Amino acid sequence: MSLPLIVRAPIYKEAAPRAGKTRDISSRSVYFTIENNLSAGAELDLTMILPAEVTGGIEVFIKATGKVVRVDKRPGNGDQKVDAAVVFEMYEIVRSEAAIA
């Protein structure tokens, strides 16, 4: 399932969040596509959005922190996008629009 994903690097608080799309998600990790400039070992704050169509009700946000364990360059697209695997250190499920604030 491909879900919208918002990525922030917590050490760069003033940096703008970046958008990506999940490719695979489990209770312990996520594999996603995003613009380049991620490196293995980086710590990230992630917000995944489960739309109302998926939850059968309201939008649900999964807020997580984790560490990048793998970055794969996508063949044929230059350096524009990469696939990255992040292992969760913690996550919470929030049923409120306050989750993206």
Protein backbone atom coordinates (compact mmCIF):
# COMPACT_ATOMS: atom_id res chain seq x y z
CA MET A 1 0.00 0.00 0.00
CA SER A 2 1.37 3.40 -0.96
CA LEU A 3 0.66 6.07 1.67
CA PRO A 4 1.70 9.73 1.87
CA LEU A 5 4.69 10.26 4.15
CA ILE A 6 6.18 13.42 5.68
CA VAL A 7 9.85 13.24 6.69
CA ARG A 8 11.74 15.61 8.99
CA ALA A 9 15.32 15.36 10.22
CA PRO A 10 15.07 16.32 13.92
CA ILE A 11 18.61 17.69 14.06
CA TYR A 12 17.65 20.25 11.38
CA LYS A 13 14.56 21.76 13.04
CA GLU A 14 14.45 24.71 10.62
CA ALA A 15 14.65 22.48 7.51
CA ALA A 16 11.42 22.08 5.57
CA PRO A 17 9.69 18.71 5.81
CA ARG A 18 9.88 16.54 2.70
CA ALA A 19 7.15 14.41 1.19
CA GLY A 20 7.47 10.79 0.14
CA LYS A 21 5.40 7.67 -0.49
CA THR A 22 5.54 4.38 1.38
CA ARG A 23 6.30 1.23 -0.58
CA ASP A 24 6.07 -1.25 2.31
CA ILE A 25 5.20 -0.82 5.97
CA SER A 26 5.19 -3.10 9.02
CA SER A 27 4.89 -2.63 12.76
CA ARG A 28 8.70 -2.26 13.02
CA SER A 29 9.78 -0.46 9.86
CA VAL A 30 8.88 1.39 6.67
CA TYR A 31 10.36 1.34 3.15
CA PHE A 32 9.63 4.48 1.16
CA THR A 33 10.55 6.63 -1.84
CA ILE A 34 11.74 10.21 -1.34
CA GLU A 35 13.98 12.83 -2.95
CA ASN A 36 17.70 12.11 -2.58
CA ASN A 37 19.91 13.31 0.31
CA LEU A 38 19.22 10.60 2.87
CA SER A 39 22.05 8.55 4.29
CA ALA A 40 22.22 5.38 6.37
CA GLY A 41 22.33 6.16 10.08
CA ALA A 42 20.27 9.37 9.83
CA GLU A 43 17.57 9.81 12.47
CA LEU A 44 14.17 10.90 11.17
CA ASP A 45 10.73 11.94 12.36
CA LEU A 46 8.06 10.43 10.11
CA THR A 47 4.34 11.07 9.75
CA MET A 48 2.34 8.61 7.67
CA ILE A 49 -1.22 9.41 6.71
CA LEU A 50 -3.87 6.70 6.56
CA PRO A 51 -6.77 8.19 4.57
CA ALA A 52 -10.39 7.76 5.65
CA GLU A 53 -10.92 5.30 2.77
CA VAL A 54 -8.36 2.95 4.35
CA THR A 55 -9.49 3.31 7.97
CA GLY A 56 -13.21 3.24 7.24
CA GLY A 57 -13.76 6.47 9.15
CA ILE A 58 -11.44 9.41 9.72
CA GLU A 59 -7.84 10.09 8.67
CA VAL A 60 -5.33 8.51 11.02
CA PHE A 61 -1.74 9.66 11.43
CA ILE A 62 1.14 7.41 12.43
CA LYS A 63 3.91 9.50 13.98
CA ALA A 64 7.23 7.72 14.32
CA THR A 65 10.89 8.25 14.98
CA GLY A 66 13.47 5.95 13.49
CA LYS A 67 16.86 5.40 11.94
CA VAL A 68 17.69 4.94 8.26
CA VAL A 69 19.22 1.49 7.82
CA ARG A 70 19.40 1.35 4.02
CA VAL A 71 19.28 3.73 1.04
CA ASP A 72 18.82 2.37 -2.49
CA LYS A 73 19.32 4.57 -5.54
CA ARG A 74 16.60 3.97 -8.13
CA PRO A 75 18.09 2.96 -11.47
CA GLY A 76 17.28 5.14 -14.44
CA ASN A 77 16.25 8.31 -12.61
CA GLY A 78 19.63 9.91 -11.96
CA ASP A 79 19.94 11.18 -8.40
CA GLN A 80 16.38 12.41 -8.12
CA LYS A 81 14.73 9.79 -5.90
CA VAL A 82 15.87 7.05 -3.56
CA ASP A 83 14.21 4.23 -1.68
CA ALA A 84 15.00 4.16 2.04
CA ALA A 85 14.37 1.69 4.84
CA VAL A 86 13.78 3.07 8.34
CA VAL A 87 13.53 0.98 11.51
CA PHE A 88 11.14 2.51 14.05
CA GLU A 89 12.46 3.45 17.48
CA MET A 90 8.94 4.40 18.56
CA TYR A 91 5.58 5.24 17.03
CA GLU A 92 2.14 6.41 18.04
CA ILE A 93 -1.22 6.43 16.29
CA VAL A 94 -3.02 9.78 16.39
CA ARG A 95 -6.61 10.27 15.24
CA SER A 96 -6.43 14.04 14.99
CA GLU A 97 -5.34 16.71 12.52
CA ALA A 98 -3.05 18.00 15.30
CA ALA A 99 -0.63 15.23 14.30
CA ILE A 100 0.79 17.22 11.38
CA ALA A 101 1.22 20.49 13.27
